[in-house]
Amino acid sequence: MGKRILLVGATGLVGQGVLEVVRRAPAVTQVTALVRRPLAVADNKIRVLQVTDFSAASLAGLDLRGLDACLYCAGPLPLGMSEAAYREATVGVLARVAKAYAASNPAGYLVYVSGLGADSHSRLMPTRVKGEAEQALRQTGIAHTSLRPGVVRPVLGEQSPHAWRRWAYWLGTPILALAAAALPSVFTTTQAIGGCMLRLCLAGGPRPEVLENARIAAGDA
């Protein structure tokens, strides 16, 4: 039987790319997209679960049974956010989703899109909070891998929900492509992240706890 996958954050830039990769994969029979914003898809392989928020109460009302893996791509940009607000949206939401998924699928597996330089002891707020999110994931007890991508280029037609990012990607595409070729430890693509997640889901045996950007970009998972 094929894999049944829970995808969290399918309306975001990275999540759109991951959705495109996994829905095309013959080894995946169903993708359950857990979102807060509406997601219009014309594909019988995709089931949409829309919630008003990622509170414990909202998650408790969902049927998440029978899902082989959870691909977690949700998370806001830290721009303009306080550390407390960013921690709640990053660490708090991840912990609640992971707990709800693990409760229904104790033998399941979760892949989390963290970030380059994630470290709970970092002096930089975003990387410190991402490191705390990785720690929170460890405490759930579920099998997991944290991906640490750097600068992510959209290459599968994704549209950022932020207008300024759409313009930045449109204007900077040629420069980003050259920079990515020169700095594979820093740059990657939505397709590479999706492919990495898919390979991890299909792999047998132990998976790595952390994958850095260079291995994601090289397809080395």
C-alpha atoms as a PDB file:
ATOM      1  CA  MET A   1       0.000   0.000   0.000  1.00  0.00           C
ATOM      2  CA  GLY A   2       1.094   3.577  -0.654  1.00  0.00           C
ATOM      3  CA  LYS A   3       1.897   6.158   1.952  1.00  0.00           C
ATOM      4  CA  ARG A   4      -0.735   8.382   3.538  1.00  0.00           C
ATOM      5  CA  ILE A   5       0.730  11.726   4.527  1.00  0.00           C
ATOM      6  CA  LEU A   6      -0.341  14.650   6.697  1.00  0.00           C
ATOM      7  CA  LEU A   7       0.961  17.958   5.337  1.00  0.00           C
ATOM      8  CA  VAL A   8       0.851  20.969   7.641  1.00  0.00           C
ATOM      9  CA  GLY A   9       1.291  24.420   6.090  1.00  0.00           C
ATOM     10  CA  ALA A  10       0.382  23.627   2.481  1.00  0.00           C
ATOM     11  CA  THR A  11      -0.585  27.252   1.727  1.00  0.00           C
ATOM     12  CA  GLY A  12       2.875  28.629   2.564  1.00  0.00           C
ATOM     13  CA  LEU A  13       5.726  28.950   0.092  1.00  0.00           C
ATOM     14  CA  VAL A  14       7.567  25.791   1.168  1.00  0.00           C
ATOM     15  CA  GLY A  15       4.346  23.875   1.791  1.00  0.00           C
ATOM     16  CA  GLN A  16       3.085  24.563  -1.736  1.00  0.00           C
ATOM     17  CA  GLY A  17       6.234  23.042  -3.177  1.00  0.00           C
ATOM     18  CA  VAL A  18       6.115  20.024  -0.886  1.00  0.00           C
ATOM     19  CA  LEU A  19       2.456  19.466  -1.773  1.00  0.00           C
ATOM     20  CA  GLU A  20       3.321  19.482  -5.470  1.00  0.00           C
ATOM     21  CA  VAL A  21       6.120  16.949  -4.964  1.00  0.00           C
ATOM     22  CA  VAL A  22       4.184  14.479  -2.820  1.00  0.00           C
ATOM     23  CA  ARG A  23       0.959  14.625  -4.811  1.00  0.00           C
ATOM     24  CA  ARG A  24       2.888  13.635  -7.943  1.00  0.00           C
ATOM     25  CA  ALA A  25       4.598  10.714  -6.205  1.00  0.00           C
ATOM     26  CA  PRO A  26       3.130   7.312  -7.169  1.00  0.00           C
ATOM     27  CA  ALA A  27       4.196   5.955  -3.762  1.00  0.00           C
ATOM     28  CA  VAL A  28       1.809   8.389  -2.014  1.00  0.00           C
ATOM     29  CA  THR A  29      -1.850   7.441  -2.141  1.00  0.00           C
ATOM     30  CA  GLN A  30      -3.322  10.267  -0.052  1.00  0.00           C
ATOM     31  CA  VAL A  31      -2.258  13.681   1.218  1.00  0.00           C
ATOM     32  CA  THR A  32      -4.221  15.250   4.057  1.00  0.00           C
ATOM     33  CA  ALA A  33      -3.543  18.987   4.043  1.00  0.00           C
ATOM     34  CA  LEU A  34      -4.077  20.624   7.445  1.00  0.00           C
ATOM     35  CA  VAL A  35      -4.482  24.366   6.887  1.00  0.00           C
ATOM     36  CA  ARG A  36      -5.933  27.524   8.352  1.00  0.00           C
ATOM     37  CA  ARG A  37      -6.371  29.390   5.064  1.00  0.00           C
ATOM     38  CA  PRO A  38      -8.592  27.996   2.285  1.00  0.00           C
ATOM     39  CA  LEU A  39      -6.854  25.605  -0.100  1.00  0.00           C
ATOM     40  CA  ALA A  40      -8.485  24.953  -3.455  1.00  0.00           C
ATOM     41  CA  VAL A  41      -7.206  21.776  -5.088  1.00  0.00           C
ATOM     42  CA  ALA A  42      -8.628  19.660  -7.901  1.00  0.00           C
ATOM     43  CA  ASP A  43      -6.990  16.349  -7.052  1.00  0.00           C
ATOM     44  CA  ASN A  44      -8.754  13.347  -5.548  1.00  0.00           C
ATOM     45  CA  LYS A  45      -5.514  12.361  -3.841  1.00  0.00           C
ATOM     46  CA  ILE A  46      -5.711  15.459  -1.597  1.00  0.00           C
ATOM     47  CA  ARG A  47      -8.015  15.795   1.402  1.00  0.00           C
ATOM     48  CA  VAL A  48      -8.247  19.242   3.002  1.00  0.00           C
ATOM     49  CA  LEU A  49      -8.753  19.751   6.730  1.00  0.00           C
ATOM     50  CA  GLN A  50      -9.267  23.447   7.510  1.00  0.00           C
ATOM     51  CA  VAL A  51      -9.231  24.655  11.110  1.00  0.00           C
ATOM     52  CA  THR A  52      -9.697  28.139  12.527  1.00  0.00           C
ATOM     53  CA  ASP A  53      -6.547  27.769  14.608  1.00  0.00           C
ATOM     54  CA  PHE A  54      -4.014  25.219  15.775  1.00  0.00           C
ATOM     55  CA  SER A  55      -5.265  25.140  19.336  1.00  0.00           C
ATOM     56  CA  ALA A  56      -5.341  21.884  21.294  1.00  0.00           C
ATOM     57  CA  ALA A  57      -9.152  21.932  21.150  1.00  0.00           C
ATOM     58  CA  SER A  58      -9.255  22.310  17.353  1.00  0.00           C
ATOM     59  CA  LEU A  59      -6.693  19.559  16.836  1.00  0.00           C
ATOM     60  CA  ALA A  60      -8.450  17.211  19.241  1.00  0.00           C
ATOM     61  CA  GLY A  61     -11.534  17.274  17.014  1.00  0.00           C
ATOM     62  CA  LEU A  62      -9.692  15.961  13.952  1.00  0.00           C
ATOM     63  CA  ASP A  63      -9.414  12.362  12.803  1.00  0.00           C
ATOM     64  CA  LEU A  64      -5.693  11.908  12.131  1.00  0.00           C
ATOM     65  CA  ARG A  65      -5.589   8.121  12.279  1.00  0.00           C
ATOM     66  CA  GLY A  66      -3.819   6.021   9.676  1.00  0.00           C
ATOM     67  CA  LEU A  67      -1.314   8.653   8.523  1.00  0.00           C
ATOM     68  CA  ASP A  68       2.175   7.248   7.952  1.00  0.00           C
ATOM     69  CA  ALA A  69       4.034  10.545   8.174  1.00  0.00           C
ATOM     70  CA  CYS A  70       3.541  14.214   9.023  1.00  0.00           C
ATOM     71  CA  LEU A  71       5.370  16.815   6.936  1.00  0.00           C
ATOM     72  CA  TYR A  72       5.406  20.039   8.931  1.00  0.00           C
ATOM     73  CA  CYS A  73       6.059  23.136   6.798  1.00  0.00           C
ATOM     74  CA  ALA A  74       4.098  25.741   8.784  1.00  0.00           C
ATOM     75  CA  GLY A  75       5.601  28.761  10.463  1.00  0.00           C
ATOM     76  CA  PRO A  76       5.579  32.561  10.123  1.00  0.00           C
ATOM     77  CA  LEU A  77       8.368  34.933   9.181  1.00  0.00           C
ATOM     78  CA  PRO A  78       9.716  36.611  12.334  1.00  0.00           C
ATOM     79  CA  LEU A  79       9.626  40.102  10.831  1.00  0.00           C
ATOM     80  CA  GLY A  80       7.696  42.473  13.085  1.00  0.00           C
ATOM     81  CA  MET A  81       6.938  39.787  15.669  1.00  0.00           C
ATOM     82  CA  SER A  82       7.915  39.817  19.313  1.00  0.00           C
ATOM     83  CA  GLU A  83       9.941  36.883  20.573  1.00  0.00           C
ATOM     84  CA  ALA A  84       6.984  35.642  22.626  1.00  0.00           C
ATOM     85  CA  ALA A  85       4.621  35.767  19.636  1.00  0.00           C
ATOM     86  CA  TYR A  86       7.157  34.073  17.356  1.00  0.00           C
ATOM     87  CA  ARG A  87       7.818  31.365  19.960  1.00  0.00           C
ATOM     88  CA  GLU A  88       4.109  30.610  20.288  1.00  0.00           C
ATOM     89  CA  ALA A  89       3.618  30.435  16.514  1.00  0.00           C
ATOM     90  CA  THR A  90       6.749  28.341  16.021  1.00  0.00           C
ATOM     91  CA  VAL A  91       7.285  26.198  19.117  1.00  0.00           C
ATOM     92  CA  GLY A  92       3.768  26.117  20.551  1.00  0.00           C
ATOM     93  CA  VAL A  93       1.970  25.203  17.342  1.00  0.00           C
ATOM     94  CA  LEU A  94       4.536  22.563  16.374  1.00  0.00           C
ATOM     95  CA  ALA A  95       4.324  20.930  19.800  1.00  0.00           C
ATOM     96  CA  ARG A  96       0.520  20.776  19.697  1.00  0.00           C
ATOM     97  CA  VAL A  97       0.362  19.399  16.150  1.00  0.00           C
ATOM     98  CA  ALA A  98       3.075  16.827  16.889  1.00  0.00           C
ATOM     99  CA  LYS A  99       1.258  15.728  20.044  1.00  0.00           C
ATOM    100  CA  ALA A 100      -2.063  15.348  18.205  1.00  0.00           C
ATOM    101  CA  TYR A 101      -0.430  13.442  15.332  1.00  0.00           C
ATOM    102  CA  ALA A 102       1.524  11.162  17.680  1.00  0.00           C
ATOM    103  CA  ALA A 103      -1.577  10.404  19.753  1.00  0.00           C
ATOM    104  CA  SER A 104      -3.288   8.974  16.657  1.00  0.00           C
ATOM    105  CA  ASN A 105      -0.137   7.524  15.081  1.00  0.00           C
ATOM    106  CA  PRO A 106       2.326   6.486  17.799  1.00  0.00           C
ATOM    107  CA  ALA A 107       4.439   4.623  15.263  1.00  0.00           C
ATOM    108  CA  GLY A 108       4.366   7.533  12.830  1.00  0.00           C
ATOM    109  CA  TYR A 109       7.151   9.811  11.650  1.00  0.00           C
ATOM    110  CA  LEU A 110       7.388  13.608  11.474  1.00  0.00           C
ATOM    111  CA  VAL A 111       9.613  15.805   9.305  1.00  0.00           C
ATOM    112  CA  TYR A 112       9.922  19.412  10.472  1.00  0.00           C
ATOM    113  CA  VAL A 113      11.156  22.305   8.305  1.00  0.00           C
ATOM    114  CA  SER A 114      13.327  24.153  10.799  1.00  0.00           C
ATOM    115  CA  GLY A 115      15.982  26.601   9.634  1.00  0.00           C
ATOM    116  CA  LEU A 116      19.677  27.107   8.962  1.00  0.00           C
ATOM    117  CA  GLY A 117      21.602  27.670  12.183  1.00  0.00           C
ATOM    118  CA  ALA A 118      18.804  26.509  14.485  1.00  0.00           C
ATOM    119  CA  ASP A 119      20.258  26.491  18.004  1.00  0.00           C
ATOM    120  CA  SER A 120      18.427  27.020  21.295  1.00  0.00           C
ATOM    121  CA  HIS A 121      21.499  28.878  22.589  1.00  0.00           C
ATOM    122  CA  SER A 122      21.815  31.227  19.615  1.00  0.00           C
ATOM    123  CA  ARG A 123      22.020  34.970  20.206  1.00  0.00           C
ATOM    124  CA  LEU A 124      19.732  35.515  17.213  1.00  0.00           C
ATOM    125  CA  MET A 125      16.063  35.299  18.129  1.00  0.00           C
ATOM    126  CA  PRO A 126      14.773  33.393  15.057  1.00  0.00           C
ATOM    127  CA  THR A 127      17.478  30.716  15.156  1.00  0.00           C
ATOM    128  CA  ARG A 128      17.144  30.421  18.931  1.00  0.00           C
ATOM    129  CA  VAL A 129      13.393  29.836  18.695  1.00  0.00           C
ATOM    130  CA  LYS A 130      13.853  27.336  15.838  1.00  0.00           C
ATOM    131  CA  GLY A 131      16.301  25.476  18.078  1.00  0.00           C
ATOM    132  CA  GLU A 132      13.710  25.452  20.850  1.00  0.00           C
ATOM    133  CA  ALA A 133      11.177  24.017  18.391  1.00  0.00           C
ATOM    134  CA  GLU A 134      13.560  21.166  17.585  1.00  0.00           C
ATOM    135  CA  GLN A 135      13.933  20.504  21.313  1.00  0.00           C
ATOM    136  CA  ALA A 136      10.163  20.472  21.765  1.00  0.00           C
ATOM    137  CA  LEU A 137       9.881  17.934  18.966  1.00  0.00           C
ATOM    138  CA  ARG A 138      12.394  15.653  20.683  1.00  0.00           C
ATOM    139  CA  GLN A 139      10.275  15.725  23.823  1.00  0.00           C
ATOM    140  CA  THR A 140       7.233  14.334  22.008  1.00  0.00           C
ATOM    141  CA  GLY A 141       8.956  10.952  21.683  1.00  0.00           C
ATOM    142  CA  ILE A 142       7.865  10.476  18.075  1.00  0.00           C
ATOM    143  CA  ALA A 143      10.381   9.522  15.381  1.00  0.00           C
ATOM    144  CA  HIS A 144      11.361  12.705  13.557  1.00  0.00           C
ATOM    145  CA  THR A 145      13.850  14.590  11.408  1.00  0.00           C
ATOM    146  CA  SER A 146      14.462  18.339  11.438  1.00  0.00           C
ATOM    147  CA  LEU A 147      15.473  19.904   8.127  1.00  0.00           C
ATOM    148  CA  ARG A 148      17.548  23.074   8.284  1.00  0.00           C
ATOM    149  CA  PRO A 149      17.200  24.816   4.924  1.00  0.00           C
ATOM    150  CA  GLY A 150      18.786  28.179   4.284  1.00  0.00           C
ATOM    151  CA  VAL A 151      17.487  30.483   1.545  1.00  0.00           C
ATOM    152  CA  VAL A 152      14.681  28.650  -0.264  1.00  0.00           C
ATOM    153  CA  ARG A 153      14.003  29.368  -3.936  1.00  0.00           C
ATOM    154  CA  PRO A 154      10.506  28.610  -5.299  1.00  0.00           C
ATOM    155  CA  VAL A 155      10.892  26.577  -8.504  1.00  0.00           C
ATOM    156  CA  LEU A 156       7.523  24.824  -8.905  1.00  0.00           C
ATOM    157  CA  GLY A 157       5.312  27.850  -9.515  1.00  0.00           C
ATOM    158  CA  GLU A 158       4.701  28.593  -5.835  1.00  0.00           C
ATOM    159  CA  GLN A 159       3.385  31.991  -4.801  1.00  0.00           C
ATOM    160  CA  SER A 160       4.412  33.484  -1.478  1.00  0.00           C
ATOM    161  CA  PRO A 161       1.480  34.722   0.641  1.00  0.00           C
ATOM    162  CA  HIS A 162       3.555  37.900   1.189  1.00  0.00           C
ATOM    163  CA  ALA A 163       3.430  40.383  -1.714  1.00  0.00           C
ATOM    164  CA  TRP A 164       6.901  41.787  -1.028  1.00  0.00           C
ATOM    165  CA  ARG A 165       8.423  38.302  -1.176  1.00  0.00           C
ATOM    166  CA  ARG A 166       6.713  37.606  -4.509  1.00  0.00           C
ATOM    167  CA  TRP A 167       8.319  40.730  -5.965  1.00  0.00           C
ATOM    168  CA  ALA A 168      11.692  39.935  -4.406  1.00  0.00           C
ATOM    169  CA  TYR A 169      11.724  36.427  -5.884  1.00  0.00           C
ATOM    170  CA  TRP A 170      10.584  37.685  -9.287  1.00  0.00           C
ATOM    171  CA  LEU A 171      13.260  40.374  -9.451  1.00  0.00           C
ATOM    172  CA  GLY A 172      16.033  38.275  -7.942  1.00  0.00           C
ATOM    173  CA  THR A 173      15.532  34.914  -9.666  1.00  0.00           C
ATOM    174  CA  PRO A 174      18.639  35.078 -11.928  1.00  0.00           C
ATOM    175  CA  ILE A 175      20.853  36.283  -9.082  1.00  0.00           C
ATOM    176  CA  LEU A 176      19.495  33.661  -6.685  1.00  0.00           C
ATOM    177  CA  ALA A 177      20.149  30.900  -9.222  1.00  0.00           C
ATOM    178  CA  LEU A 178      23.790  31.964  -9.582  1.00  0.00           C
ATOM    179  CA  ALA A 179      24.197  32.316  -5.820  1.00  0.00           C
ATOM    180  CA  ALA A 180      22.688  28.876  -5.271  1.00  0.00           C
ATOM    181  CA  ALA A 181      25.219  27.288  -7.617  1.00  0.00           C
ATOM    182  CA  ALA A 182      28.078  28.971  -5.764  1.00  0.00           C
ATOM    183  CA  LEU A 183      26.783  28.424  -2.214  1.00  0.00           C
ATOM    184  CA  PRO A 184      25.017  25.044  -1.928  1.00  0.00           C
ATOM    185  CA  SER A 185      25.420  25.155   1.864  1.00  0.00           C
ATOM    186  CA  VAL A 186      23.159  28.212   2.015  1.00  0.00           C
ATOM    187  CA  PHE A 187      20.641  27.928  -0.844  1.00  0.00           C
ATOM    188  CA  THR A 188      18.110  25.250  -1.712  1.00  0.00           C
ATOM    189  CA  THR A 189      14.754  24.947  -3.499  1.00  0.00           C
ATOM    190  CA  THR A 190      11.201  24.013  -2.674  1.00  0.00           C
ATOM    191  CA  GLN A 191      11.571  20.989  -4.937  1.00  0.00           C
ATOM    192  CA  ALA A 192      14.685  19.823  -3.078  1.00  0.00           C
ATOM    193  CA  ILE A 193      12.912  20.135   0.271  1.00  0.00           C
ATOM    194  CA  GLY A 194       9.883  18.229  -1.016  1.00  0.00           C
ATOM    195  CA  GLY A 195      12.066  15.519  -2.514  1.00  0.00           C
ATOM    196  CA  CYS A 196      14.041  15.198   0.698  1.00  0.00           C
ATOM    197  CA  MET A 197      10.864  14.860   2.764  1.00  0.00           C
ATOM    198  CA  LEU A 198       9.470  12.254   0.391  1.00  0.00           C
ATOM    199  CA  ARG A 199      12.645  10.158   0.450  1.00  0.00           C
ATOM    200  CA  LEU A 200      12.694  10.252   4.243  1.00  0.00           C
ATOM    201  CA  CYS A 201       9.074   9.075   4.381  1.00  0.00           C
ATOM    202  CA  LEU A 202       9.779   6.181   2.040  1.00  0.00           C
ATOM    203  CA  ALA A 203      13.066   5.166   3.657  1.00  0.00           C
ATOM    204  CA  GLY A 204      13.290   2.109   5.861  1.00  0.00           C
ATOM    205  CA  GLY A 205      15.374   1.892   8.987  1.00  0.00           C
ATOM    206  CA  PRO A 206      16.742   4.749  11.115  1.00  0.00           C
ATOM    207  CA  ARG A 207      16.547   8.283   9.753  1.00  0.00           C
ATOM    208  CA  PRO A 208      18.810  11.184  10.737  1.00  0.00           C
ATOM    209  CA  GLU A 209      17.589  13.521  13.468  1.00  0.00           C
ATOM    210  CA  VAL A 210      18.887  16.596  11.616  1.00  0.00           C
ATOM    211  CA  LEU A 211      19.667  17.340   7.966  1.00  0.00           C
ATOM    212  CA  GLU A 212      21.577  20.494   7.078  1.00  0.00           C
ATOM    213  CA  ASN A 213      21.013  22.585   3.970  1.00  0.00           C
ATOM    214  CA  ALA A 214      23.853  21.158   1.866  1.00  0.00           C
ATOM    215  CA  ARG A 215      22.476  17.613   2.158  1.00  0.00           C
ATOM    216  CA  ILE A 216      18.935  18.809   1.384  1.00  0.00           C
ATOM    217  CA  ALA A 217      20.106  20.673  -1.742  1.00  0.00           C
ATOM    218  CA  ALA A 218      22.206  17.715  -2.886  1.00  0.00           C
ATOM    219  CA  GLY A 219      19.345  15.230  -2.574  1.00  0.00           C
ATOM    220  CA  ASP A 220      21.411  13.327  -0.052  1.00  0.00           C
ATOM    221  CA  ALA A 221      18.637  12.184   2.315  1.00  0.00           C
END
